[in-house]
Every structure is written in structure tokens, then in C-alpha cells.
Amino acid sequence: PLQALADAAGDWSVTLDVFKSGGGASAAAELDVPFLGSLPFDPGIVRGGDDGVHRIIAEPDGETANSFDVIVDNVLATLEEGSGPQVRIT
């Protein structure tokens, strides 16, 4: 589906689901592993790489940055649980 949104300032964004959604969560459930989150298909990441300014730095309150925050929080929570095998990197 295609979704267009505008905020109070008149800035707008378009969301286009290029791929089906929910596949990662389904696979995680099937494999009995934690689902850490999903990232939007964001062409701004490519532009940021070309321009030398990462999308998350350029737009710290944007959808991509918020999605990364969720994943980082989930990784940290999973590590704090410590219920799985321990991996040591030296």
C-alpha cells in the first residue's frame, strides 16, 4: 500500500511497502528467536551515503532513526535478559 502523510508544518512523507510486511516477525516466531524490529525502505539512506551525512544523523527524529532506536533497545533488552548462550568477543 501507498500512504502519504503531512505534519502540522506542511512537511509530508510517503510510505510505500515495496515488500510484504510481517515476514521477519513470522520467521522469528517460527524459528523461536526474538524479533528485534524492522527498518523502513528509505532511499534517503542511499542519498546520505552519497552526501556523507547519515540519515539518522540528518533526521534524528525521523522514521528511520526511530526504527533503529527500537531495534537497539530490543537488542539491549535481549542482552540484559541473558537467558541464551553467552558469546564473548575478544
PDB file of N, CA and C in Angstrom:
ATOM      1  N   PRO A   1       0.822  -1.202   0.000  1.00  0.00           N
ATOM      2  CA  PRO A   1       0.000   0.000   0.000  1.00  0.00           C
ATOM      3  C   PRO A   1       0.860   1.256   0.000  1.00  0.00           C
ATOM      4  N   LEU A   2       0.289   2.326  -0.466  1.00  0.00           N
ATOM      5  CA  LEU A   2       0.929   3.629  -0.510  1.00  0.00           C
ATOM      6  C   LEU A   2       0.232   4.529   0.493  1.00  0.00           C
ATOM      7  N   GLN A   3       1.026   5.206   1.325  1.00  0.00           N
ATOM      8  CA  GLN A   3       0.455   6.080   2.345  1.00  0.00           C
ATOM      9  C   GLN A   3       1.205   7.404   2.314  1.00  0.00           C
ATOM     10  N   ALA A   4       0.480   8.513   2.215  1.00  0.00           N
ATOM     11  CA  ALA A   4       1.076   9.846   2.247  1.00  0.00           C
ATOM     12  C   ALA A   4       0.619  10.553   3.512  1.00  0.00           C
ATOM     13  N   LEU A   5       1.558  11.171   4.219  1.00  0.00           N
ATOM     14  CA  LEU A   5       1.263  11.865   5.470  1.00  0.00           C
ATOM     15  C   LEU A   5       1.826  13.272   5.419  1.00  0.00           C
ATOM     16  N   ALA A   6       1.123  14.213   6.045  1.00  0.00           N
ATOM     17  CA  ALA A   6       1.629  15.580   6.192  1.00  0.00           C
ATOM     18  C   ALA A   6       1.531  15.967   7.656  1.00  0.00           C
ATOM     19  N   ASP A   7       2.564  16.646   8.176  1.00  0.00           N
ATOM     20  CA  ASP A   7       2.521  17.090   9.566  1.00  0.00           C
ATOM     21  C   ASP A   7       1.967  18.509   9.640  1.00  0.00           C
ATOM     22  N   ALA A   8       1.890  19.060  10.845  1.00  0.00           N
ATOM     23  CA  ALA A   8       1.308  20.385  11.058  1.00  0.00           C
ATOM     24  C   ALA A   8       2.074  21.477  10.318  1.00  0.00           C
ATOM     25  N   ALA A   9       3.372  21.273  10.099  1.00  0.00           N
ATOM     26  CA  ALA A   9       4.196  22.268   9.402  1.00  0.00           C
ATOM     27  C   ALA A   9       4.052  22.177   7.886  1.00  0.00           C
ATOM     28  N   GLY A  10       3.320  21.182   7.420  1.00  0.00           N
ATOM     29  CA  GLY A  10       3.147  21.013   5.983  1.00  0.00           C
ATOM     30  C   GLY A  10       4.184  20.124   5.334  1.00  0.00           C
ATOM     31  N   ASP A  11       5.110  19.575   6.131  1.00  0.00           N
ATOM     32  CA  ASP A  11       6.087  18.633   5.591  1.00  0.00           C
ATOM     33  C   ASP A  11       5.386  17.299   5.378  1.00  0.00           C
ATOM     34  N   TRP A  12       5.677  16.650   4.284  1.00  0.00           N
ATOM     35  CA  TRP A  12       4.991  15.406   4.003  1.00  0.00           C
ATOM     36  C   TRP A  12       5.972  14.286   3.719  1.00  0.00           C
ATOM     37  N   SER A  13       5.474  13.085   3.858  1.00  0.00           N
ATOM     38  CA  SER A  13       6.268  11.902   3.558  1.00  0.00           C
ATOM     39  C   SER A  13       5.357  10.874   2.908  1.00  0.00           C
ATOM     40  N   VAL A  14       5.963   9.970   2.191  1.00  0.00           N
ATOM     41  CA  VAL A  14       5.219   8.910   1.524  1.00  0.00           C
ATOM     42  C   VAL A  14       5.800   7.584   1.976  1.00  0.00           C
ATOM     43  N   THR A  15       4.939   6.656   2.339  1.00  0.00           N
ATOM     44  CA  THR A  15       5.359   5.313   2.707  1.00  0.00           C
ATOM     45  C   THR A  15       4.841   4.352   1.648  1.00  0.00           C
ATOM     46  N   LEU A  16       5.739   3.575   1.101  1.00  0.00           N
ATOM     47  CA  LEU A  16       5.382   2.584   0.097  1.00  0.00           C
ATOM     48  C   LEU A  16       5.950   1.252   0.545  1.00  0.00           C
ATOM     49  N   ASP A  17       5.080   0.297   0.779  1.00  0.00           N
ATOM     50  CA  ASP A  17       5.532  -1.037   1.162  1.00  0.00           C
ATOM     51  C   ASP A  17       5.926  -1.791  -0.101  1.00  0.00           C
ATOM     52  N   VAL A  18       7.235  -1.822  -0.383  1.00  0.00           N
ATOM     53  CA  VAL A  18       7.742  -2.497  -1.569  1.00  0.00           C
ATOM     54  C   VAL A  18       7.635  -4.006  -1.396  1.00  0.00           C
ATOM     55  N   PHE A  19       7.906  -4.467  -0.189  1.00  0.00           N
ATOM     56  CA  PHE A  19       7.848  -5.885   0.122  1.00  0.00           C
ATOM     57  C   PHE A  19       6.689  -6.121   1.081  1.00  0.00           C
ATOM     58  N   LYS A  20       6.253  -7.342   1.182  1.00  0.00           N
ATOM     59  CA  LYS A  20       5.216  -7.675   2.151  1.00  0.00           C
ATOM     60  C   LYS A  20       5.739  -7.373   3.544  1.00  0.00           C
ATOM     61  N   SER A  21       4.860  -7.014   4.447  1.00  0.00           N
ATOM     62  CA  SER A  21       5.294  -6.733   5.816  1.00  0.00           C
ATOM     63  C   SER A  21       4.976  -7.926   6.711  1.00  0.00           C
ATOM     64  N   GLY A  22       5.725  -8.037   7.787  1.00  0.00           N
ATOM     65  CA  GLY A  22       5.483  -9.079   8.772  1.00  0.00           C
ATOM     66  C   GLY A  22       6.284 -10.348   8.581  1.00  0.00           C
ATOM     67  N   GLY A  23       7.049 -10.443   7.503  1.00  0.00           N
ATOM     68  CA  GLY A  23       7.814 -11.666   7.246  1.00  0.00           C
ATOM     69  C   GLY A  23       8.899 -11.923   8.269  1.00  0.00           C
ATOM     70  N   GLY A  24       9.560 -10.863   8.711  1.00  0.00           N
ATOM     71  CA  GLY A  24      10.609 -11.023   9.719  1.00  0.00           C
ATOM     72  C   GLY A  24      10.051 -11.501  11.044  1.00  0.00           C
ATOM     73  N   ALA A  25       8.935 -10.928  11.455  1.00  0.00           N
ATOM     74  CA  ALA A  25       8.300 -11.338  12.713  1.00  0.00           C
ATOM     75  C   ALA A  25       7.812 -12.781  12.622  1.00  0.00           C
ATOM     76  N   SER A  26       7.255 -13.155  11.477  1.00  0.00           N
ATOM     77  CA  SER A  26       6.789 -14.537  11.292  1.00  0.00           C
ATOM     78  C   SER A  26       7.951 -15.523  11.326  1.00  0.00           C
ATOM     79  N   ALA A  27       9.041 -15.174  10.640  1.00  0.00           N
ATOM     80  CA  ALA A  27      10.210 -16.056  10.625  1.00  0.00           C
ATOM     81  C   ALA A  27      10.806 -16.186  12.018  1.00  0.00           C
ATOM     82  N   ALA A  28      10.868 -15.075  12.753  1.00  0.00           N
ATOM     83  CA  ALA A  28      11.408 -15.126  14.115  1.00  0.00           C
ATOM     84  C   ALA A  28      10.559 -16.034  14.995  1.00  0.00           C
ATOM     85  N   ALA A  29       9.238 -15.927  14.878  1.00  0.00           N
ATOM     86  CA  ALA A  29       8.352 -16.784  15.671  1.00  0.00           C
ATOM     87  C   ALA A  29       8.534 -18.247  15.289  1.00  0.00           C
ATOM     88  N   GLU A  30       8.634 -18.516  13.998  1.00  0.00           N
ATOM     89  CA  GLU A  30       8.808 -19.885  13.524  1.00  0.00           C
ATOM     90  C   GLU A  30      10.130 -20.479  14.002  1.00  0.00           C
ATOM     91  N   LEU A  31      11.168 -19.656  14.053  1.00  0.00           N
ATOM     92  CA  LEU A  31      12.490 -20.126  14.469  1.00  0.00           C
ATOM     93  C   LEU A  31      12.715 -20.002  15.971  1.00  0.00           C
ATOM     94  N   ASP A  32      11.720 -19.464  16.672  1.00  0.00           N
ATOM     95  CA  ASP A  32      11.785 -19.279  18.122  1.00  0.00           C
ATOM     96  C   ASP A  32      12.989 -18.421  18.530  1.00  0.00           C
ATOM     97  N   VAL A  33      13.141 -17.313  17.817  1.00  0.00           N
ATOM     98  CA  VAL A  33      14.171 -16.324  18.141  1.00  0.00           C
ATOM     99  C   VAL A  33      13.484 -14.972  18.294  1.00  0.00           C
ATOM    100  N   PRO A  34      14.090 -14.046  19.030  1.00  0.00           N
ATOM    101  CA  PRO A  34      13.442 -12.744  19.204  1.00  0.00           C
ATOM    102  C   PRO A  34      13.383 -11.953  17.897  1.00  0.00           C
ATOM    103  N   PHE A  35      12.268 -11.290  17.685  1.00  0.00           N
ATOM    104  CA  PHE A  35      12.147 -10.348  16.572  1.00  0.00           C
ATOM    105  C   PHE A  35      12.586  -9.000  17.105  1.00  0.00           C
ATOM    106  N   LEU A  36      13.645  -8.440  16.537  1.00  0.00           N
ATOM    107  CA  LEU A  36      14.233  -7.214  17.070  1.00  0.00           C
ATOM    108  C   LEU A  36      13.640  -5.950  16.471  1.00  0.00           C
ATOM    109  N   GLY A  37      13.001  -6.045  15.321  1.00  0.00           N
ATOM    110  CA  GLY A  37      12.377  -4.874  14.727  1.00  0.00           C
ATOM    111  C   GLY A  37      12.502  -4.883  13.223  1.00  0.00           C
ATOM    112  N   SER A  38      12.009  -3.819  12.624  1.00  0.00           N
ATOM    113  CA  SER A  38      12.063  -3.697  11.170  1.00  0.00           C
ATOM    114  C   SER A  38      12.507  -2.289  10.796  1.00  0.00           C
ATOM    115  N   LEU A  39      13.046  -2.177   9.609  1.00  0.00           N
ATOM    116  CA  LEU A  39      13.514  -0.882   9.107  1.00  0.00           C
ATOM    117  C   LEU A  39      12.726  -0.505   7.861  1.00  0.00           C
ATOM    118  N   PRO A  40      12.431   0.774   7.714  1.00  0.00           N
ATOM    119  CA  PRO A  40      11.733   1.197   6.503  1.00  0.00           C
ATOM    120  C   PRO A  40      12.660   1.149   5.294  1.00  0.00           C
ATOM    121  N   PHE A  41      12.092   0.950   4.136  1.00  0.00           N
ATOM    122  CA  PHE A  41      12.833   1.032   2.885  1.00  0.00           C
ATOM    123  C   PHE A  41      12.991   2.518   2.596  1.00  0.00           C
ATOM    124  N   ASP A  42      14.162   3.067   2.886  1.00  0.00           N
ATOM    125  CA  ASP A  42      14.354   4.514   2.892  1.00  0.00           C
ATOM    126  C   ASP A  42      15.422   4.927   1.887  1.00  0.00           C
ATOM    127  N   PRO A  43      15.033   5.492   0.747  1.00  0.00           N
ATOM    128  CA  PRO A  43      16.024   5.934  -0.235  1.00  0.00           C
ATOM    129  C   PRO A  43      16.953   7.012   0.309  1.00  0.00           C
ATOM    130  N   GLY A  44      16.547   7.684   1.385  1.00  0.00           N
ATOM    131  CA  GLY A  44      17.390   8.704   1.998  1.00  0.00           C
ATOM    132  C   GLY A  44      18.681   8.135   2.553  1.00  0.00           C
ATOM    133  N   ILE A  45      18.693   6.847   2.879  1.00  0.00           N
ATOM    134  CA  ILE A  45      19.924   6.217   3.365  1.00  0.00           C
ATOM    135  C   ILE A  45      20.965   6.221   2.248  1.00  0.00           C
ATOM    136  N   VAL A  46      20.536   5.928   1.032  1.00  0.00           N
ATOM    137  CA  VAL A  46      21.455   5.955  -0.112  1.00  0.00           C
ATOM    138  C   VAL A  46      21.948   7.375  -0.350  1.00  0.00           C
ATOM    139  N   ARG A  47      21.029   8.344  -0.348  1.00  0.00           N
ATOM    140  CA  ARG A  47      21.433   9.740  -0.556  1.00  0.00           C
ATOM    141  C   ARG A  47      22.400  10.190   0.533  1.00  0.00           C
ATOM    142  N   GLY A  48      22.128   9.784   1.772  1.00  0.00           N
ATOM    143  CA  GLY A  48      23.011  10.154   2.873  1.00  0.00           C
ATOM    144  C   GLY A  48      24.398   9.580   2.699  1.00  0.00           C
ATOM    145  N   GLY A  49      24.476   8.355   2.201  1.00  0.00           N
ATOM    146  CA  GLY A  49      25.775   7.755   1.935  1.00  0.00           C
ATOM    147  C   GLY A  49      26.522   8.506   0.847  1.00  0.00           C
ATOM    148  N   ASP A  50      25.796   8.909  -0.175  1.00  0.00           N
ATOM    149  CA  ASP A  50      26.414   9.677  -1.264  1.00  0.00           C
ATOM    150  C   ASP A  50      26.867  11.051  -0.789  1.00  0.00           C
ATOM    151  N   ASP A  51      26.072  11.672   0.082  1.00  0.00           N
ATOM    152  CA  ASP A  51      26.370  13.025   0.569  1.00  0.00           C
ATOM    153  C   ASP A  51      27.316  13.041   1.764  1.00  0.00           C
ATOM    154  N   GLY A  52      27.531  11.871   2.379  1.00  0.00           N
ATOM    155  CA  GLY A  52      28.400  11.794   3.542  1.00  0.00           C
ATOM    156  C   GLY A  52      27.724  12.156   4.855  1.00  0.00           C
ATOM    157  N   VAL A  53      26.393  12.255   4.855  1.00  0.00           N
ATOM    158  CA  VAL A  53      25.649  12.560   6.080  1.00  0.00           C
ATOM    159  C   VAL A  53      24.632  11.448   6.289  1.00  0.00           C
ATOM    160  N   HIS A  54      24.865  10.628   7.311  1.00  0.00           N
ATOM    161  CA  HIS A  54      23.981   9.501   7.562  1.00  0.00           C
ATOM    162  C   HIS A  54      22.571   9.983   7.858  1.00  0.00           C
ATOM    163  N   ARG A  55      21.592   9.278   7.360  1.00  0.00           N
ATOM    164  CA  ARG A  55      20.177   9.646   7.509  1.00  0.00           C
ATOM    165  C   ARG A  55      19.783   9.808   8.977  1.00  0.00           C
ATOM    166  N   ILE A  56      20.303   8.976   9.831  1.00  0.00           N
ATOM    167  CA  ILE A  56      19.936   9.034  11.249  1.00  0.00           C
ATOM    168  C   ILE A  56      20.498  10.291  11.901  1.00  0.00           C
ATOM    169  N   ILE A  57      21.650  10.748  11.448  1.00  0.00           N
ATOM    170  CA  ILE A  57      22.231  11.993  11.958  1.00  0.00           C
ATOM    171  C   ILE A  57      21.469  13.191  11.401  1.00  0.00           C
ATOM    172  N   ALA A  58      21.153  13.144  10.112  1.00  0.00           N
ATOM    173  CA  ALA A  58      20.462  14.258   9.463  1.00  0.00           C
ATOM    174  C   ALA A  58      19.035  14.423   9.970  1.00  0.00           C
ATOM    175  N   GLU A  59      18.377  13.312  10.299  1.00  0.00           N
ATOM    176  CA  GLU A  59      16.988  13.351  10.759  1.00  0.00           C
ATOM    177  C   GLU A  59      16.837  12.476  11.999  1.00  0.00           C
ATOM    178  N   PRO A  60      17.333  12.940  13.155  1.00  0.00           N
ATOM    179  CA  PRO A  60      17.314  12.103  14.356  1.00  0.00           C
ATOM    180  C   PRO A  60      15.913  11.768  14.870  1.00  0.00           C
ATOM    181  N   ASP A  61      14.905  12.509  14.451  1.00  0.00           N
ATOM    182  CA  ASP A  61      13.534  12.218  14.870  1.00  0.00           C
ATOM    183  C   ASP A  61      12.721  11.576  13.753  1.00  0.00           C
ATOM    184  N   GLY A  62      13.378  11.196  12.669  1.00  0.00           N
ATOM    185  CA  GLY A  62      12.678  10.606  11.528  1.00  0.00           C
ATOM    186  C   GLY A  62      12.324   9.148  11.752  1.00  0.00           C
ATOM    187  N   GLU A  63      11.543   8.613  10.828  1.00  0.00           N
ATOM    188  CA  GLU A  63      11.070   7.230  10.933  1.00  0.00           C
ATOM    189  C   GLU A  63      12.220   6.227  10.959  1.00  0.00           C
ATOM    190  N   THR A  64      13.240   6.453  10.133  1.00  0.00           N
ATOM    191  CA  THR A  64      14.370   5.525  10.092  1.00  0.00           C
ATOM    192  C   THR A  64      15.122   5.528  11.415  1.00  0.00           C
ATOM    193  N   ALA A  65      15.398   6.712  11.961  1.00  0.00           N
ATOM    194  CA  ALA A  65      16.093   6.803  13.249  1.00  0.00           C
ATOM    195  C   ALA A  65      15.266   6.157  14.351  1.00  0.00           C
ATOM    196  N   ASN A  66      13.969   6.391  14.352  1.00  0.00           N
ATOM    197  CA  ASN A  66      13.104   5.787  15.370  1.00  0.00           C
ATOM    198  C   ASN A  66      13.104   4.268  15.255  1.00  0.00           C
ATOM    199  N   SER A  67      13.117   3.752  14.027  1.00  0.00           N
ATOM    200  CA  SER A  67      13.163   2.304  13.825  1.00  0.00           C
ATOM    201  C   SER A  67      14.471   1.716  14.340  1.00  0.00           C
ATOM    202  N   PHE A  68      15.586   2.398  14.077  1.00  0.00           N
ATOM    203  CA  PHE A  68      16.873   1.950  14.611  1.00  0.00           C
ATOM    204  C   PHE A  68      16.858   1.973  16.137  1.00  0.00           C
ATOM    205  N   ASP A  69      16.265   3.010  16.726  1.00  0.00           N
ATOM    206  CA  ASP A  69      16.175   3.098  18.190  1.00  0.00           C
ATOM    207  C   ASP A  69      15.441   1.895  18.769  1.00  0.00           C
ATOM    208  N   VAL A  70      14.346   1.509  18.140  1.00  0.00           N
ATOM    209  CA  VAL A  70      13.575   0.352  18.609  1.00  0.00           C
ATOM    210  C   VAL A  70      14.431  -0.907  18.555  1.00  0.00           C
ATOM    211  N   ILE A  71      15.152  -1.098  17.460  1.00  0.00           N
ATOM    212  CA  ILE A  71      15.991  -2.291  17.319  1.00  0.00           C
ATOM    213  C   ILE A  71      17.104  -2.292  18.357  1.00  0.00           C
ATOM    214  N   VAL A  72      17.760  -1.152  18.553  1.00  0.00           N
ATOM    215  CA  VAL A  72      18.829  -1.069  19.558  1.00  0.00           C
ATOM    216  C   VAL A  72      18.268  -1.366  20.946  1.00  0.00           C
ATOM    217  N   ASP A  73      17.121  -0.794  21.278  1.00  0.00           N
ATOM    218  CA  ASP A  73      16.502  -1.071  22.579  1.00  0.00           C
ATOM    219  C   ASP A  73      16.194  -2.556  22.737  1.00  0.00           C
ATOM    220  N   ASN A  74      15.701  -3.188  21.679  1.00  0.00           N
ATOM    221  CA  ASN A  74      15.389  -4.614  21.746  1.00  0.00           C
ATOM    222  C   ASN A  74      16.645  -5.469  21.870  1.00  0.00           C
ATOM    223  N   VAL A  75      17.717  -5.078  21.178  1.00  0.00           N
ATOM    224  CA  VAL A  75      18.987  -5.806  21.317  1.00  0.00           C
ATOM    225  C   VAL A  75      19.491  -5.693  22.750  1.00  0.00           C
ATOM    226  N   LEU A  76      19.481  -4.485  23.303  1.00  0.00           N
ATOM    227  CA  LEU A  76      19.951  -4.293  24.680  1.00  0.00           C
ATOM    228  C   LEU A  76      19.104  -5.071  25.675  1.00  0.00           C
ATOM    229  N   ALA A  77      17.789  -5.054  25.496  1.00  0.00           N
ATOM    230  CA  ALA A  77      16.906  -5.795  26.400  1.00  0.00           C
ATOM    231  C   ALA A  77      17.178  -7.293  26.310  1.00  0.00           C
ATOM    232  N   THR A  78      17.392  -7.790  25.096  1.00  0.00           N
ATOM    233  CA  THR A  78      17.683  -9.208  24.913  1.00  0.00           C
ATOM    234  C   THR A  78      19.004  -9.577  25.571  1.00  0.00           C
ATOM    235  N   LEU A  79      20.006  -8.723  25.433  1.00  0.00           N
ATOM    236  CA  LEU A  79      21.303  -8.990  26.060  1.00  0.00           C
ATOM    237  C   LEU A  79      21.210  -8.941  27.578  1.00  0.00           C
ATOM    238  N   GLU A  80      20.404  -8.023  28.110  1.00  0.00           N
ATOM    239  CA  GLU A  80      20.260  -7.910  29.559  1.00  0.00           C
ATOM    240  C   GLU A  80      19.559  -9.122  30.153  1.00  0.00           C
ATOM    241  N   GLU A  81      18.656  -9.744  29.381  1.00  0.00           N
ATOM    242  CA  GLU A  81      17.970 -10.941  29.871  1.00  0.00           C
ATOM    243  C   GLU A  81      18.964 -12.061  30.125  1.00  0.00           C
ATOM    244  N   GLY A  82      19.938 -12.194  29.256  1.00  0.00           N
ATOM    245  CA  GLY A  82      20.996 -13.179  29.449  1.00  0.00           C
ATOM    246  C   GLY A  82      20.517 -14.611  29.524  1.00  0.00           C
ATOM    247  N   SER A  83      19.391 -14.936  28.887  1.00  0.00           N
ATOM    248  CA  SER A  83      18.850 -16.281  29.013  1.00  0.00           C
ATOM    249  C   SER A  83      19.440 -17.263  28.011  1.00  0.00           C
ATOM    250  N   GLY A  84      20.099 -16.764  26.991  1.00  0.00           N
ATOM    251  CA  GLY A  84      20.637 -17.636  25.956  1.00  0.00           C
ATOM    252  C   GLY A  84      22.106 -17.928  26.166  1.00  0.00           C
ATOM    253  N   PRO A  85      22.707 -18.592  25.204  1.00  0.00           N
ATOM    254  CA  PRO A  85      24.138 -18.884  25.302  1.00  0.00           C
ATOM    255  C   PRO A  85      24.946 -17.592  25.296  1.00  0.00           C
ATOM    256  N   GLN A  86      26.034 -17.604  25.994  1.00  0.00           N
ATOM    257  CA  GLN A  86      26.890 -16.431  26.095  1.00  0.00           C
ATOM    258  C   GLN A  86      27.905 -16.434  24.955  1.00  0.00           C
ATOM    259  N   VAL A  87      28.084 -15.294  24.345  1.00  0.00           N
ATOM    260  CA  VAL A  87      29.070 -15.125  23.289  1.00  0.00           C
ATOM    261  C   VAL A  87      30.067 -14.092  23.778  1.00  0.00           C
ATOM    262  N   ARG A  88      31.329 -14.426  23.682  1.00  0.00           N
ATOM    263  CA  ARG A  88      32.361 -13.491  24.112  1.00  0.00           C
ATOM    264  C   ARG A  88      33.201 -13.102  22.912  1.00  0.00           C
ATOM    265  N   ILE A  89      33.321 -11.816  22.696  1.00  0.00           N
ATOM    266  CA  ILE A  89      34.129 -11.314  21.592  1.00  0.00           C
ATOM    267  C   ILE A  89      35.364 -10.670  22.192  1.00  0.00           C
ATOM    268  N   THR A  90      36.530 -11.144  21.760  1.00  0.00           N
ATOM    269  CA  THR A  90      37.774 -10.583  22.300  1.00  0.00           C
ATOM    270  C   THR A  90      38.627 -10.019  21.194  1.00  0.00           C
TER     271      THR A  90
END
